[in-house]
């Protein structure tokens, strides 16, 4: 009986392995679904559809966008974490779903490290420290000096507690030893910055750029590793505060049990997409950068950002649930 059981087990494993290889060889043979963690018309949705169209052409099957907004992308992440690991369901989300959410939410219905794997990056953009038009501080050094001269007198808005616009400034305050008052918003704080109700905000370059060009706000610094090409006179944060560099980026993930060959193929398609002339132009026209990284590079990006954000969240005891 024991020998028979071993033979049956071996035959079962061989059958499953054969099925798995056949599944990978025939992939894809039906529509692929990309679950987006934000509503239709938002930047993540726009970029997901751009890459989805490219992937559809390259893979020869429809790529369907399924918007599941809610809980800062957690709803979509949970959906994909629990989806069949057959290579037909992917997640399009902000990197913050994996670099911030695990720290600011006390309990998640999925394990971001065990239940999902990184597949590919798509785009990135830095944030700009902008101020009200009549702000006396004209540089980061001026801002630091003013904040130290009058602790708590300068306010910095954000898109909510635990958002990149909040945490990057908390990091900045930590590095410079300054005290500024955090003012969280549920919607965009930019109108109040332009109106002078709050002093500063870390704003994504895509939305900040036209305001800066039109003189509606002042730009003190850019959060990227190098100056933004279209704003060569705006220094990086790291030029004043060494190593303070952070980018906002998007990517796709899928269930951790998805066959590696399928994940690698999807990565290759998206990397090709980031290099495609039409795709990259459309991304740059939105004041963002195409970002085609290997799976290993993407995993390292997640780890680096999560280490920084996790430390700040813990130090400031930031929770939103």
Protein backbone atom coordinates (compact mmCIF):
# COMPACT_ATOMS: atom_id res chain seq x y z
CA UNK A 1 0.00 0.00 0.00
CA UNK A 2 2.83 2.34 0.88
CA UNK A 3 4.53 1.81 -2.48
CA UNK A 4 1.22 2.31 -4.28
CA UNK A 5 0.59 5.55 -2.44
CA UNK A 6 4.06 6.83 -3.38
CA UNK A 7 3.46 5.91 -7.02
CA UNK A 8 0.07 7.62 -7.04
CA UNK A 9 1.56 10.71 -5.38
CA UNK A 10 4.35 10.83 -7.95
CA UNK A 11 1.88 10.46 -10.80
CA UNK A 12 -0.28 13.23 -9.32
CA UNK A 13 2.68 15.57 -9.01
CA UNK A 14 3.76 14.78 -12.56
CA UNK A 15 0.25 15.45 -13.83
CA UNK A 16 0.07 18.77 -11.97
CA UNK A 17 3.51 19.75 -13.24
CA UNK A 18 2.47 18.89 -16.77
CA UNK A 19 -0.70 20.94 -16.38
CA UNK A 20 1.30 23.87 -15.01
CA UNK A 21 3.75 23.78 -17.92
CA UNK A 22 0.90 23.56 -20.41
CA UNK A 23 -0.81 26.48 -18.69
CA UNK A 24 2.35 28.58 -18.96
CA UNK A 25 2.95 27.57 -22.59
CA UNK A 26 -0.61 28.52 -23.60
CA UNK A 27 -0.65 31.80 -21.67
CA UNK A 28 -2.40 34.03 -22.47
CA UNK A 29 -5.39 32.53 -24.26
CA UNK A 30 -8.16 34.69 -22.77
CA UNK A 31 -8.61 38.27 -21.50
CA UNK A 32 -6.31 39.56 -18.77
CA UNK A 33 -7.75 41.71 -16.00
CA UNK A 34 -5.85 44.56 -14.34
CA UNK A 35 -7.46 45.68 -11.09
CA UNK A 36 -6.76 49.36 -10.42
CA UNK A 37 -6.84 50.68 -6.86
CA UNK A 38 -8.28 54.06 -7.85
CA UNK A 39 -11.27 55.47 -9.72
CA UNK A 40 -11.58 55.92 -13.47
CA UNK A 41 -9.93 59.13 -14.69
CA UNK A 42 -7.34 59.30 -11.90
CA UNK A 43 -3.62 59.13 -12.77
CA UNK A 44 -3.27 55.43 -11.82
CA UNK A 45 -6.24 54.59 -14.05
CA UNK A 46 -4.83 56.64 -16.94
CA UNK A 47 -1.44 54.93 -16.77
CA UNK A 48 -2.98 51.48 -16.27
CA UNK A 49 -5.03 51.90 -19.44
CA UNK A 50 -2.00 53.17 -21.35
CA UNK A 51 0.06 50.11 -20.43
CA UNK A 52 -2.94 47.82 -20.70
CA UNK A 53 -3.46 48.85 -24.32
CA UNK A 54 0.21 48.24 -25.06
CA UNK A 55 0.16 44.83 -23.37
CA UNK A 56 -2.99 43.85 -25.27
CA UNK A 57 -1.28 44.53 -28.59
CA UNK A 58 1.84 42.60 -27.61
CA UNK A 59 0.07 39.60 -26.03
CA UNK A 60 -2.78 39.34 -28.51
CA UNK A 61 -5.60 39.24 -25.96
CA UNK A 62 -7.86 41.95 -24.47
CA UNK A 63 -6.63 43.61 -21.29
CA UNK A 64 -9.58 44.72 -19.18
CA UNK A 65 -9.30 47.47 -16.56
CA UNK A 66 -11.33 46.84 -13.38
CA UNK A 67 -11.46 49.88 -11.07
CA UNK A 68 -11.80 49.04 -7.37
CA UNK A 69 -11.10 52.26 -5.48
CA UNK A 70 -11.08 52.33 -1.70
CA UNK A 71 -8.89 52.31 1.41
CA UNK A 72 -5.87 53.87 -0.32
CA UNK A 73 -5.64 50.99 -2.78
CA UNK A 74 -6.11 48.22 -0.19
CA UNK A 75 -9.41 47.02 -1.65
CA UNK A 76 -7.85 46.33 -5.04
CA UNK A 77 -4.78 44.75 -3.45
CA UNK A 78 -6.96 42.39 -1.41
CA UNK A 79 -8.93 41.44 -4.53
CA UNK A 80 -5.80 40.40 -6.42
CA UNK A 81 -4.24 38.69 -3.38
CA UNK A 82 -7.28 36.40 -3.25
CA UNK A 83 -7.65 35.90 -7.03
CA UNK A 84 -6.68 32.65 -8.79
CA UNK A 85 -2.93 32.53 -9.41
CA UNK A 86 -3.35 31.74 -13.09
CA UNK A 87 -1.77 34.81 -14.70
CA UNK A 88 -5.05 36.46 -15.65
CA UNK A 89 -5.46 38.89 -12.75
CA UNK A 90 -2.98 41.67 -11.99
CA UNK A 91 -2.96 44.67 -9.69
CA UNK A 92 -2.12 48.21 -10.78
CA UNK A 93 -1.39 50.36 -7.76
CA UNK A 94 0.76 53.07 -6.26
CA UNK A 95 3.96 51.88 -4.64
CA UNK A 96 2.64 53.28 -1.36
CA UNK A 97 0.22 50.33 -1.15
CA UNK A 98 3.33 48.30 -0.30
CA UNK A 99 5.67 50.91 1.20
CA UNK A 100 3.31 52.90 3.46
CA UNK A 101 -0.02 51.10 3.92
CA UNK A 102 1.44 48.11 5.82
CA UNK A 103 2.65 50.56 8.47
CA UNK A 104 -0.25 52.99 8.83
CA UNK A 105 -3.03 50.37 8.82
CA UNK A 106 -3.05 48.31 12.01
CA UNK A 107 -4.59 45.30 10.25
CA UNK A 108 -4.78 44.33 6.58
CA UNK A 109 -6.79 41.40 5.18
CA UNK A 110 -3.73 40.26 3.23
CA UNK A 111 0.01 39.97 3.73
CA UNK A 112 1.65 42.32 1.18
CA UNK A 113 4.95 40.46 1.37
CA UNK A 114 3.64 36.89 1.20
CA UNK A 115 0.44 37.10 -0.83
CA UNK A 116 1.68 39.19 -3.77
CA UNK A 117 4.81 39.54 -5.88
CA UNK A 118 6.10 42.57 -7.80
CA UNK A 119 5.74 42.23 -11.56
CA UNK A 120 6.75 45.50 -13.24
CA UNK A 121 7.09 49.23 -12.77
CA UNK A 122 5.46 51.76 -15.11
CA UNK A 123 6.17 55.38 -14.23
CA UNK A 124 7.51 57.66 -11.54
CA UNK A 125 7.42 61.30 -10.58
CA UNK A 126 8.91 63.40 -7.83
CA UNK A 127 7.14 65.87 -5.59
CA UNK A 128 7.82 69.59 -5.35
CA UNK A 129 7.89 71.59 -2.14
CA UNK A 130 5.71 74.53 -3.15
CA UNK A 131 4.72 77.53 -1.06
CA UNK A 132 2.14 80.28 -1.10
CA UNK A 133 2.98 83.07 -3.60
CA UNK A 134 4.02 85.63 -1.00
CA UNK A 135 6.09 83.28 1.16
CA UNK A 136 9.15 85.12 2.45
CA UNK A 137 11.30 81.98 2.34
CA UNK A 138 12.68 81.70 -1.20
CA UNK A 139 14.82 78.59 -0.67
CA UNK A 140 15.02 75.50 1.51
CA UNK A 141 17.69 77.19 3.61
CA UNK A 142 15.38 80.16 4.11
CA UNK A 143 12.56 77.84 5.13
CA UNK A 144 14.72 76.00 7.64
CA UNK A 145 15.95 79.28 9.12
CA UNK A 146 12.41 80.65 9.41
CA UNK A 147 11.10 77.43 10.97
CA UNK A 148 13.90 77.42 13.54
CA UNK A 149 13.39 81.11 14.33
CA UNK A 150 9.66 80.59 15.01
CA UNK A 151 8.94 76.93 15.81
CA UNK A 152 5.39 75.96 14.87
CA UNK A 153 4.70 79.17 12.96
CA UNK A 154 4.97 77.59 9.48
CA UNK A 155 2.33 75.13 8.30
CA UNK A 156 2.66 72.28 5.83
CA UNK A 157 -0.43 70.79 4.22
CA UNK A 158 -0.76 67.20 3.01
CA UNK A 159 -3.16 64.83 1.32
CA UNK A 160 -3.81 63.18 4.66
CA UNK A 161 -1.90 61.57 7.52
CA UNK A 162 0.46 58.92 6.20
CA UNK A 163 0.46 60.20 2.61
CA UNK A 164 3.80 60.81 0.85
CA UNK A 165 3.15 64.56 1.02
CA UNK A 166 3.00 64.17 4.80
CA UNK A 167 5.79 61.66 5.41
CA UNK A 168 8.39 63.32 3.18
CA UNK A 169 7.99 66.57 5.12
CA UNK A 170 8.15 64.68 8.43
CA UNK A 171 11.44 63.22 7.18
CA UNK A 172 12.56 66.72 6.19
CA UNK A 173 11.66 68.09 9.64
CA UNK A 174 13.54 65.25 11.29
CA UNK A 175 16.68 65.82 9.23
CA UNK A 176 16.65 69.61 9.68
CA UNK A 177 15.52 69.74 13.30
CA UNK A 178 12.57 72.00 12.47
CA UNK A 179 9.05 72.24 13.85
CA UNK A 180 6.25 72.95 11.37
CA UNK A 181 2.53 72.34 11.85
CA UNK A 182 0.95 69.56 9.81
CA UNK A 183 -2.46 70.34 8.29
CA UNK A 184 -4.02 67.21 6.69
CA UNK A 185 -6.60 67.59 3.91
CA UNK A 186 -9.13 65.14 2.50
CA UNK A 187 -8.94 66.79 -0.92
CA UNK A 188 -6.26 68.87 -2.63
CA UNK A 189 -4.73 71.51 -0.35
CA UNK A 190 -3.32 73.44 -3.32
CA UNK A 191 -6.15 76.04 -3.46
CA UNK A 192 -5.44 76.95 0.15
CA UNK A 193 -1.71 77.15 -0.53
CA UNK A 194 -2.34 79.52 -3.44
CA UNK A 195 -4.69 81.51 -1.22
CA UNK A 196 -2.21 81.71 1.63
CA UNK A 197 -4.31 79.78 4.18
CA UNK A 198 -1.46 77.28 4.55
CA UNK A 199 2.21 77.88 3.81
CA UNK A 200 3.53 74.80 2.00
CA UNK A 201 2.75 71.40 0.53
CA UNK A 202 4.72 68.61 -1.14
CA UNK A 203 2.84 68.38 -4.44
CA UNK A 204 3.35 65.82 -7.25
CA UNK A 205 5.25 67.39 -10.12
CA UNK A 206 2.51 66.56 -12.63
CA UNK A 207 0.06 68.92 -10.94
CA UNK A 208 2.60 71.35 -9.51
CA UNK A 209 4.38 72.09 -12.79
CA UNK A 210 1.67 74.24 -14.46
CA UNK A 211 1.13 76.18 -11.23
CA UNK A 212 4.84 76.92 -10.96
CA UNK A 213 5.09 77.98 -14.61
CA UNK A 214 2.11 80.31 -14.19
CA UNK A 215 3.57 81.88 -11.03
CA UNK A 216 0.64 80.78 -8.86
CA UNK A 217 3.00 79.18 -6.32
CA UNK A 218 6.69 79.24 -5.52
CA UNK A 219 8.85 76.10 -5.88
CA UNK A 220 11.58 75.57 -3.32
CA UNK A 221 12.81 72.05 -4.04
CA UNK A 222 12.18 68.81 -5.95
CA UNK A 223 12.21 65.42 -4.21
CA UNK A 224 13.81 63.44 -7.05
CA UNK A 225 17.45 62.34 -7.28
CA UNK A 226 18.16 64.97 -9.95
CA UNK A 227 16.62 68.31 -10.92
CA UNK A 228 13.47 68.09 -12.99
CA UNK A 229 14.50 68.87 -16.57
CA UNK A 230 11.67 71.35 -17.19
CA UNK A 231 12.49 73.23 -13.96
CA UNK A 232 16.29 73.44 -14.03
CA UNK A 233 16.40 76.31 -11.54
CA UNK A 234 14.56 74.38 -8.84
CA UNK A 235 17.12 72.48 -6.71
CA UNK A 236 16.60 69.01 -5.29
CA UNK A 237 15.90 68.55 -1.60
CA UNK A 238 19.09 66.52 -1.35
CA UNK A 239 21.17 69.52 -2.42
CA UNK A 240 20.36 71.00 0.99
CA UNK A 241 19.50 67.87 2.97
CA UNK A 242 21.84 65.05 1.84
CA UNK A 243 20.19 61.72 0.92
CA UNK A 244 16.65 63.09 1.23
CA UNK A 245 15.32 61.69 -2.02
CA UNK A 246 11.92 60.12 -2.64
CA UNK A 247 9.92 59.42 -5.79
CA UNK A 248 6.31 58.43 -6.21
CA UNK A 249 5.94 55.48 -8.58
CA UNK A 250 3.40 53.03 -9.95
CA UNK A 251 3.61 49.35 -10.77
CA UNK A 252 1.79 46.07 -11.15
CA UNK A 253 1.70 43.05 -8.84
CA UNK A 254 0.02 39.66 -8.91
CA UNK A 255 -0.71 36.67 -6.70
CA UNK A 256 2.48 35.17 -5.25
CA UNK A 257 1.62 31.68 -6.54
CA UNK A 258 1.47 32.81 -10.17
CA UNK A 259 3.94 30.80 -12.34
CA UNK A 260 7.27 32.62 -12.55
CA UNK A 261 7.40 32.27 -16.33
CA UNK A 262 4.16 34.23 -16.67
CA UNK A 263 5.33 36.93 -14.26
CA UNK A 264 8.62 37.25 -16.14
CA UNK A 265 6.79 37.52 -19.46
CA UNK A 266 4.52 40.24 -18.11
CA UNK A 267 7.56 42.11 -16.78
CA UNK A 268 9.21 41.95 -20.21
CA UNK A 269 6.10 43.37 -21.89
CA UNK A 270 5.88 46.27 -19.45
CA UNK A 271 9.60 47.04 -19.69
CA UNK A 272 9.20 47.13 -23.48
CA UNK A 273 6.21 49.42 -22.98
CA UNK A 274 8.27 51.90 -20.96
CA UNK A 275 10.76 52.06 -23.83
CA UNK A 276 8.10 52.40 -26.53
CA UNK A 277 8.29 55.82 -28.20
CA UNK A 278 4.55 56.52 -28.09
CA UNK A 279 4.05 55.27 -24.53
CA UNK A 280 7.06 57.13 -23.15
CA UNK A 281 6.04 60.35 -24.91
CA UNK A 282 2.55 60.21 -23.45
CA UNK A 283 4.00 59.66 -19.98
CA UNK A 284 6.45 62.55 -20.33
CA UNK A 285 3.66 64.79 -21.62
CA UNK A 286 2.07 64.24 -18.20
CA UNK A 287 5.27 65.47 -16.51
CA UNK A 288 6.22 61.96 -15.42
CA UNK A 289 8.96 59.50 -16.30
CA UNK A 290 8.53 56.03 -17.84
CA UNK A 291 10.06 53.46 -15.52
CA UNK A 292 10.92 49.98 -16.78
CA UNK A 293 12.66 48.09 -13.99
CA UNK A 294 13.51 44.43 -13.59
CA UNK A 295 11.64 42.44 -10.96
CA UNK A 296 14.72 42.47 -8.73
CA UNK A 297 15.09 46.24 -9.08
CA UNK A 298 11.41 46.70 -8.30
CA UNK A 299 11.71 44.56 -5.16
CA UNK A 300 14.71 46.66 -4.06
CA UNK A 301 12.74 49.88 -4.65
CA UNK A 302 9.91 48.59 -2.46
CA UNK A 303 12.35 47.59 0.27
CA UNK A 304 14.18 50.93 0.22
CA UNK A 305 11.04 53.06 0.37
CA UNK A 306 9.39 50.82 2.97
CA UNK A 307 12.45 51.07 5.23
CA UNK A 308 12.30 54.87 5.11
CA UNK A 309 8.55 55.29 5.40
CA UNK A 310 8.22 52.57 8.02
CA UNK A 311 10.79 54.25 10.25
CA UNK A 312 9.06 57.62 9.97
CA UNK A 313 5.60 56.17 10.65
CA UNK A 314 6.90 54.35 13.72
CA UNK A 315 8.80 57.38 15.02
CA UNK A 316 5.77 59.65 14.63
CA UNK A 317 3.27 56.95 15.70
CA UNK A 318 1.07 57.58 12.66
CA UNK A 319 -2.06 55.42 12.33
CA UNK A 320 -5.19 56.03 10.31
CA UNK A 321 -7.44 53.22 11.55
